[in-house]
């Protein structure tokens, strides 16, 4: 039993900790929210260009995010880009002690892999007469 890998638990530390630091929004090129977590393990990496839902395990309310820039900066903060919510909206959805569940938003291929191809069928009169 003592050999298990630590797992990341996203738990909101206090009420009203979500806010949009202007520096991070400018640096990331999109609206970025920082929210305080309670005693998370450190995961200073993120997931870009992969739409995810952050779901409140208590209420099942969810927000769609386009990017998670950092899952748990030094174990204390998550940085993400909500698609259609503000930091004030997020503060109303996630309260102190709430556990955030992460779910994949599956709407097809990721944008960078979605390269549409087409093949035109038919006869080109100019090329068939030669």
N, C-alpha and C. Protein backbone atom coordinates (compact mmCIF):
# COMPACT_ATOMS: atom_id res chain seq x y z
N UNK A 1 0.81 -1.19 0.00
CA UNK A 1 0.00 0.00 0.00
C UNK A 1 0.85 1.25 0.00
N UNK A 2 1.94 1.44 0.51
CA UNK A 2 2.68 2.69 0.56
C UNK A 2 3.34 3.08 -0.74
N UNK A 3 3.18 2.30 -1.81
CA UNK A 3 3.85 2.55 -3.08
C UNK A 3 3.01 3.35 -4.07
N UNK A 4 1.85 3.82 -3.69
CA UNK A 4 0.97 4.53 -4.61
C UNK A 4 1.53 5.89 -4.97
N UNK A 5 1.33 6.26 -6.25
CA UNK A 5 1.71 7.59 -6.71
C UNK A 5 0.76 8.61 -6.09
N UNK A 6 1.27 9.78 -5.72
CA UNK A 6 0.33 10.80 -5.23
C UNK A 6 -0.58 11.24 -6.37
N UNK A 7 -1.82 11.54 -6.05
CA UNK A 7 -2.75 12.00 -7.08
C UNK A 7 -3.15 13.43 -6.79
N UNK A 8 -3.44 14.13 -7.85
CA UNK A 8 -3.82 15.52 -7.72
C UNK A 8 -5.30 15.62 -7.36
N UNK A 9 -5.57 16.25 -6.23
CA UNK A 9 -6.94 16.53 -5.81
C UNK A 9 -7.10 18.04 -5.86
N UNK A 10 -8.06 18.48 -6.65
CA UNK A 10 -8.33 19.91 -6.77
C UNK A 10 -9.46 20.27 -5.80
N UNK A 11 -9.08 20.89 -4.70
CA UNK A 11 -10.06 21.30 -3.69
C UNK A 11 -9.91 22.79 -3.47
N UNK A 12 -11.05 23.48 -3.51
CA UNK A 12 -11.05 24.94 -3.32
C UNK A 12 -10.71 25.25 -1.87
N UNK A 13 -9.75 26.15 -1.68
CA UNK A 13 -9.28 26.45 -0.33
C UNK A 13 -10.21 27.39 0.43
N UNK A 14 -10.59 28.48 -0.21
CA UNK A 14 -11.43 29.49 0.45
C UNK A 14 -12.43 30.04 -0.55
N UNK A 15 -13.46 30.70 -0.08
CA UNK A 15 -14.41 31.37 -0.95
C UNK A 15 -13.77 32.56 -1.65
N UNK A 16 -14.25 32.87 -2.84
CA UNK A 16 -13.89 34.09 -3.57
C UNK A 16 -12.40 34.24 -3.85
N UNK A 17 -11.73 33.14 -4.20
CA UNK A 17 -10.30 33.26 -4.52
C UNK A 17 -10.03 33.29 -6.02
N UNK A 18 -11.04 33.08 -6.85
CA UNK A 18 -10.84 33.15 -8.29
C UNK A 18 -10.77 34.61 -8.73
N UNK A 19 -9.71 34.95 -9.46
CA UNK A 19 -9.62 36.28 -10.05
C UNK A 19 -8.75 36.20 -11.29
N UNK A 20 -8.82 37.22 -12.11
CA UNK A 20 -8.10 37.24 -13.39
C UNK A 20 -6.93 38.22 -13.31
N UNK A 21 -5.73 37.73 -13.03
CA UNK A 21 -4.58 38.62 -12.98
C UNK A 21 -4.25 39.15 -14.39
N UNK A 22 -4.21 40.46 -14.58
CA UNK A 22 -3.94 41.02 -15.92
C UNK A 22 -2.64 40.51 -16.53
N UNK A 23 -1.61 40.33 -15.73
CA UNK A 23 -0.33 39.85 -16.25
C UNK A 23 -0.48 38.48 -16.90
N UNK A 24 -1.18 37.57 -16.23
CA UNK A 24 -1.33 36.22 -16.77
C UNK A 24 -2.21 36.20 -18.02
N UNK A 25 -3.26 37.00 -18.03
CA UNK A 25 -4.10 37.07 -19.22
C UNK A 25 -3.30 37.60 -20.41
N UNK A 26 -2.50 38.62 -20.18
CA UNK A 26 -1.67 39.17 -21.26
C UNK A 26 -0.62 38.15 -21.69
N UNK A 27 0.03 37.53 -20.75
CA UNK A 27 1.09 36.57 -21.04
C UNK A 27 0.56 35.34 -21.79
N UNK A 28 -0.64 34.88 -21.44
CA UNK A 28 -1.22 33.70 -22.07
C UNK A 28 -1.99 34.02 -23.35
N UNK A 29 -2.26 35.30 -23.58
CA UNK A 29 -2.98 35.70 -24.78
C UNK A 29 -4.47 35.43 -24.72
N UNK A 30 -4.98 35.14 -23.53
CA UNK A 30 -6.42 34.94 -23.35
C UNK A 30 -6.76 35.12 -21.89
N UNK A 31 -8.03 35.38 -21.63
CA UNK A 31 -8.52 35.59 -20.27
C UNK A 31 -8.11 34.40 -19.40
N UNK A 32 -7.39 34.69 -18.33
CA UNK A 32 -6.86 33.65 -17.45
C UNK A 32 -7.32 33.88 -16.03
N UNK A 33 -7.79 32.82 -15.40
CA UNK A 33 -8.26 32.87 -14.01
C UNK A 33 -7.31 32.07 -13.13
N UNK A 34 -7.02 32.62 -11.97
CA UNK A 34 -6.24 31.92 -10.95
C UNK A 34 -7.17 31.64 -9.79
N UNK A 35 -7.15 30.41 -9.27
CA UNK A 35 -7.98 30.05 -8.14
C UNK A 35 -7.14 29.29 -7.12
N UNK A 36 -7.37 29.60 -5.86
CA UNK A 36 -6.59 29.02 -4.78
C UNK A 36 -7.07 27.60 -4.45
N UNK A 37 -6.10 26.69 -4.34
CA UNK A 37 -6.38 25.30 -3.99
C UNK A 37 -5.92 25.00 -2.58
N UNK A 38 -6.48 23.95 -2.00
CA UNK A 38 -6.11 23.53 -0.65
C UNK A 38 -5.17 22.33 -0.72
N UNK A 39 -3.94 22.53 -0.28
CA UNK A 39 -2.97 21.45 -0.09
C UNK A 39 -2.87 20.47 -1.25
N UNK A 40 -2.81 20.97 -2.46
CA UNK A 40 -2.64 20.09 -3.62
C UNK A 40 -1.16 19.73 -3.75
N UNK A 41 -0.89 18.61 -4.43
CA UNK A 41 0.50 18.34 -4.76
C UNK A 41 0.91 19.32 -5.85
N UNK A 42 2.18 19.53 -6.04
CA UNK A 42 2.66 20.48 -7.04
C UNK A 42 2.65 19.84 -8.42
N UNK A 43 1.95 20.47 -9.35
CA UNK A 43 1.95 20.08 -10.76
C UNK A 43 2.06 21.38 -11.55
N UNK A 44 3.30 21.79 -11.83
CA UNK A 44 3.54 23.08 -12.47
C UNK A 44 3.48 23.00 -13.99
N UNK A 45 2.67 22.09 -14.51
CA UNK A 45 2.43 21.99 -15.95
C UNK A 45 0.94 22.08 -16.18
N UNK A 46 0.55 22.18 -17.44
CA UNK A 46 -0.86 22.29 -17.76
C UNK A 46 -1.23 21.50 -18.99
N UNK A 47 -2.39 21.81 -19.53
CA UNK A 47 -2.92 21.16 -20.72
C UNK A 47 -3.48 22.25 -21.61
N UNK A 48 -2.88 22.43 -22.77
CA UNK A 48 -3.33 23.49 -23.67
C UNK A 48 -4.11 22.92 -24.83
N UNK A 49 -5.02 23.72 -25.33
CA UNK A 49 -5.79 23.38 -26.52
C UNK A 49 -6.54 22.06 -26.35
N UNK A 50 -7.04 21.82 -25.16
CA UNK A 50 -7.84 20.63 -24.91
C UNK A 50 -9.02 21.04 -24.04
N UNK A 51 -10.19 21.26 -24.63
CA UNK A 51 -11.34 21.69 -23.84
C UNK A 51 -11.70 20.68 -22.76
N UNK A 52 -11.84 21.17 -21.55
CA UNK A 52 -12.18 20.35 -20.40
C UNK A 52 -13.30 21.01 -19.62
N UNK A 53 -14.03 20.20 -18.88
CA UNK A 53 -14.98 20.74 -17.92
C UNK A 53 -14.36 20.65 -16.53
N UNK A 54 -14.47 21.73 -15.77
CA UNK A 54 -14.18 21.71 -14.34
C UNK A 54 -15.54 21.63 -13.68
N UNK A 55 -15.79 20.52 -12.99
CA UNK A 55 -17.11 20.22 -12.45
C UNK A 55 -17.05 20.27 -10.94
N UNK A 56 -18.02 20.96 -10.34
CA UNK A 56 -18.14 20.99 -8.88
C UNK A 56 -18.77 19.67 -8.45
N UNK A 57 -18.03 18.88 -7.68
CA UNK A 57 -18.53 17.56 -7.24
C UNK A 57 -19.74 17.67 -6.31
N UNK A 58 -19.89 18.80 -5.65
CA UNK A 58 -21.01 18.98 -4.73
C UNK A 58 -22.30 19.32 -5.48
N UNK A 59 -22.22 20.26 -6.41
CA UNK A 59 -23.42 20.78 -7.07
C UNK A 59 -23.58 20.29 -8.51
N UNK A 60 -22.55 19.70 -9.07
CA UNK A 60 -22.49 19.29 -10.47
C UNK A 60 -22.53 20.46 -11.45
N UNK A 61 -22.40 21.69 -10.96
CA UNK A 61 -22.24 22.83 -11.87
C UNK A 61 -20.88 22.70 -12.53
N UNK A 62 -20.79 23.16 -13.78
CA UNK A 62 -19.54 23.00 -14.50
C UNK A 62 -19.20 24.25 -15.29
N UNK A 63 -17.92 24.39 -15.55
CA UNK A 63 -17.45 25.44 -16.45
C UNK A 63 -16.59 24.78 -17.52
N UNK A 64 -16.70 25.29 -18.72
CA UNK A 64 -15.87 24.81 -19.82
C UNK A 64 -14.62 25.67 -19.89
N UNK A 65 -13.47 25.02 -19.95
CA UNK A 65 -12.20 25.74 -20.07
C UNK A 65 -11.49 25.29 -21.34
N UNK A 66 -10.83 26.22 -22.00
CA UNK A 66 -10.09 25.89 -23.21
C UNK A 66 -8.68 25.43 -22.91
N UNK A 67 -8.12 25.91 -21.81
CA UNK A 67 -6.75 25.59 -21.43
C UNK A 67 -6.63 25.54 -19.92
N UNK A 68 -5.80 24.66 -19.43
CA UNK A 68 -5.34 24.73 -18.05
C UNK A 68 -3.84 25.00 -18.18
N UNK A 69 -3.43 26.18 -17.78
CA UNK A 69 -2.04 26.57 -17.95
C UNK A 69 -1.15 25.92 -16.90
N UNK A 70 -1.66 25.84 -15.68
CA UNK A 70 -0.93 25.18 -14.58
C UNK A 70 -1.97 24.50 -13.70
N UNK A 71 -1.78 23.20 -13.45
CA UNK A 71 -2.74 22.45 -12.63
C UNK A 71 -2.66 22.84 -11.16
N UNK A 72 -1.46 22.94 -10.63
CA UNK A 72 -1.33 23.27 -9.20
C UNK A 72 0.03 23.91 -8.96
N UNK A 73 0.09 25.22 -9.20
CA UNK A 73 1.35 25.96 -9.04
C UNK A 73 1.80 25.87 -7.58
N UNK A 74 2.93 25.25 -7.38
CA UNK A 74 3.48 25.04 -6.03
C UNK A 74 2.43 24.49 -5.06
N UNK A 75 1.48 23.73 -5.60
CA UNK A 75 0.46 23.10 -4.76
C UNK A 75 -0.62 24.05 -4.28
N UNK A 76 -0.62 25.30 -4.78
CA UNK A 76 -1.55 26.27 -4.21
C UNK A 76 -2.53 26.95 -5.14
N UNK A 77 -2.28 26.94 -6.46
CA UNK A 77 -3.16 27.66 -7.38
C UNK A 77 -3.28 26.93 -8.72
N UNK A 78 -4.49 26.95 -9.27
CA UNK A 78 -4.73 26.47 -10.62
C UNK A 78 -4.94 27.69 -11.51
N UNK A 79 -4.38 27.66 -12.73
CA UNK A 79 -4.51 28.74 -13.70
C UNK A 79 -5.19 28.17 -14.93
N UNK A 80 -6.29 28.77 -15.37
CA UNK A 80 -7.04 28.23 -16.50
C UNK A 80 -7.74 29.34 -17.26
N UNK A 81 -8.21 29.00 -18.46
CA UNK A 81 -8.93 29.96 -19.30
C UNK A 81 -10.36 29.48 -19.51
N UNK A 82 -11.32 30.10 -18.82
CA UNK A 82 -12.73 29.72 -19.00
C UNK A 82 -13.25 30.21 -20.35
N UNK A 83 -14.10 29.42 -20.97
CA UNK A 83 -14.63 29.78 -22.29
C UNK A 83 -15.66 30.89 -22.19
N UNK A 84 -16.57 30.80 -21.22
CA UNK A 84 -17.68 31.78 -21.18
C UNK A 84 -18.05 32.21 -19.76
N UNK A 85 -17.12 32.12 -18.84
CA UNK A 85 -17.38 32.55 -17.45
C UNK A 85 -16.31 33.54 -17.02
N UNK A 86 -16.69 34.41 -16.09
CA UNK A 86 -15.74 35.35 -15.49
C UNK A 86 -15.30 34.81 -14.13
N UNK A 87 -14.31 35.44 -13.57
CA UNK A 87 -13.86 35.05 -12.24
C UNK A 87 -15.00 35.18 -11.23
N UNK A 88 -15.83 36.21 -11.36
CA UNK A 88 -16.97 36.38 -10.45
C UNK A 88 -17.95 35.21 -10.58
N UNK A 89 -18.21 34.76 -11.82
CA UNK A 89 -19.08 33.60 -12.03
C UNK A 89 -18.51 32.37 -11.34
N UNK A 90 -17.21 32.19 -11.49
CA UNK A 90 -16.54 31.01 -10.94
C UNK A 90 -16.58 31.03 -9.42
N UNK A 91 -16.47 32.20 -8.82
CA UNK A 91 -16.56 32.31 -7.36
C UNK A 91 -17.94 31.90 -6.84
N UNK A 92 -18.96 32.05 -7.67
CA UNK A 92 -20.31 31.64 -7.27
C UNK A 92 -20.52 30.13 -7.42
N UNK A 93 -19.75 29.52 -8.32
CA UNK A 93 -19.89 28.08 -8.59
C UNK A 93 -19.08 27.24 -7.61
N UNK A 94 -17.85 27.67 -7.32
CA UNK A 94 -16.95 26.89 -6.46
C UNK A 94 -16.75 27.59 -5.12
N UNK A 95 -17.11 26.87 -4.05
CA UNK A 95 -17.00 27.40 -2.69
C UNK A 95 -15.92 26.65 -1.91
N UNK A 96 -15.54 27.21 -0.77
CA UNK A 96 -14.51 26.59 0.08
C UNK A 96 -14.83 25.12 0.34
N UNK A 97 -13.85 24.27 0.14
CA UNK A 97 -14.01 22.84 0.40
C UNK A 97 -14.52 22.04 -0.78
N UNK A 98 -15.05 22.69 -1.81
CA UNK A 98 -15.55 21.96 -2.98
C UNK A 98 -14.41 21.23 -3.68
N UNK A 99 -14.70 20.03 -4.15
CA UNK A 99 -13.75 19.25 -4.93
C UNK A 99 -14.09 19.49 -6.41
N UNK A 100 -13.06 19.76 -7.20
CA UNK A 100 -13.24 20.00 -8.63
C UNK A 100 -12.88 18.72 -9.38
N UNK A 101 -13.86 18.21 -10.09
CA UNK A 101 -13.67 17.03 -10.93
C UNK A 101 -13.37 17.52 -12.35
N UNK A 102 -12.45 16.86 -13.03
CA UNK A 102 -12.08 17.25 -14.39
C UNK A 102 -12.65 16.22 -15.36
N UNK A 103 -13.35 16.72 -16.37
CA UNK A 103 -13.94 15.84 -17.38
C UNK A 103 -13.57 16.36 -18.77
N UNK A 104 -13.36 15.44 -19.68
CA UNK A 104 -13.03 15.78 -21.05
C UNK A 104 -14.26 16.30 -21.77
N UNK A 105 -14.08 17.38 -22.50
CA UNK A 105 -15.15 17.91 -23.36
C UNK A 105 -14.85 17.39 -24.75
N UNK A 106 -15.56 16.35 -25.16
CA UNK A 106 -15.26 15.68 -26.42
C UNK A 106 -16.16 16.20 -27.52
N UNK A 107 -15.59 17.05 -28.36
CA UNK A 107 -16.36 17.58 -29.48
C UNK A 107 -15.65 17.30 -30.80
N UNK A 108 -14.83 16.28 -30.82
CA UNK A 108 -14.10 15.93 -32.03
C UNK A 108 -12.62 16.16 -31.84
N UNK A 109 -11.93 16.31 -32.94
CA UNK A 109 -10.48 16.47 -32.89
C UNK A 109 -10.09 17.82 -32.31
N UNK A 110 -8.93 17.86 -31.65
CA UNK A 110 -8.39 19.11 -31.16
C UNK A 110 -8.12 20.03 -32.34
N UNK A 111 -8.22 21.31 -32.14
CA UNK A 111 -8.12 22.30 -33.21
C UNK A 111 -6.85 22.12 -34.04
N UNK A 112 -5.73 21.88 -33.41
CA UNK A 112 -4.48 21.79 -34.18
C UNK A 112 -4.41 20.54 -35.04
N UNK A 113 -5.24 19.52 -34.74
CA UNK A 113 -5.25 18.30 -35.54
C UNK A 113 -6.41 18.27 -36.54
N UNK A 114 -7.29 19.24 -36.47
CA UNK A 114 -8.49 19.24 -37.30
C UNK A 114 -8.18 19.89 -38.64
N UNK A 115 -7.54 19.14 -39.51
CA UNK A 115 -7.16 19.63 -40.83
C UNK A 115 -8.09 19.00 -41.86
N UNK A 116 -9.04 19.76 -42.32
CA UNK A 116 -10.00 19.23 -43.28
C UNK A 116 -9.35 18.98 -44.64
N UNK A 117 -9.61 17.85 -45.21
CA UNK A 117 -9.12 17.51 -46.54
C UNK A 117 -10.30 17.20 -47.44
N UNK A 118 -10.14 17.47 -48.71
CA UNK A 118 -11.20 17.11 -49.64
C UNK A 118 -10.58 16.60 -50.92
N UNK A 119 -11.34 15.83 -51.64
CA UNK A 119 -10.91 15.31 -52.93
C UNK A 119 -12.06 15.56 -53.89
N UNK A 120 -11.77 16.21 -54.99
CA UNK A 120 -12.80 16.56 -55.95
C UNK A 120 -12.89 15.44 -56.99
N UNK A 121 -14.09 14.93 -57.17
CA UNK A 121 -14.33 13.88 -58.17
C UNK A 121 -15.03 14.51 -59.37
N UNK A 122 -14.72 13.98 -60.53
CA UNK A 122 -15.39 14.46 -61.73
C UNK A 122 -14.46 14.44 -62.91
N UNK A 123 -14.94 14.96 -63.99
CA UNK A 123 -14.17 14.96 -65.24
C UNK A 123 -13.89 16.39 -65.64
N UNK A 124 -12.63 16.65 -65.94
CA UNK A 124 -12.23 17.95 -66.43
C UNK A 124 -12.08 17.84 -67.94
N UNK A 125 -12.97 18.45 -68.68
CA UNK A 125 -13.02 18.29 -70.14
C UNK A 125 -11.69 18.65 -70.79
N UNK A 126 -11.02 19.69 -70.30
CA UNK A 126 -9.74 20.10 -70.87
C UNK A 126 -8.70 18.99 -70.81
N UNK A 127 -8.65 18.26 -69.72
CA UNK A 127 -7.62 17.24 -69.54
C UNK A 127 -7.99 15.90 -70.15
N UNK A 128 -9.23 15.64 -70.47
CA UNK A 128 -9.62 14.34 -71.03
C UNK A 128 -9.49 14.34 -72.54
N UNK A 129 -9.41 15.50 -73.17
CA UNK A 129 -9.31 15.55 -74.62
C UNK A 129 -7.88 15.44 -75.10
N UNK A 130 -6.91 15.46 -74.27
CA UNK A 130 -5.49 15.40 -74.67
C UNK A 130 -4.98 13.99 -74.78
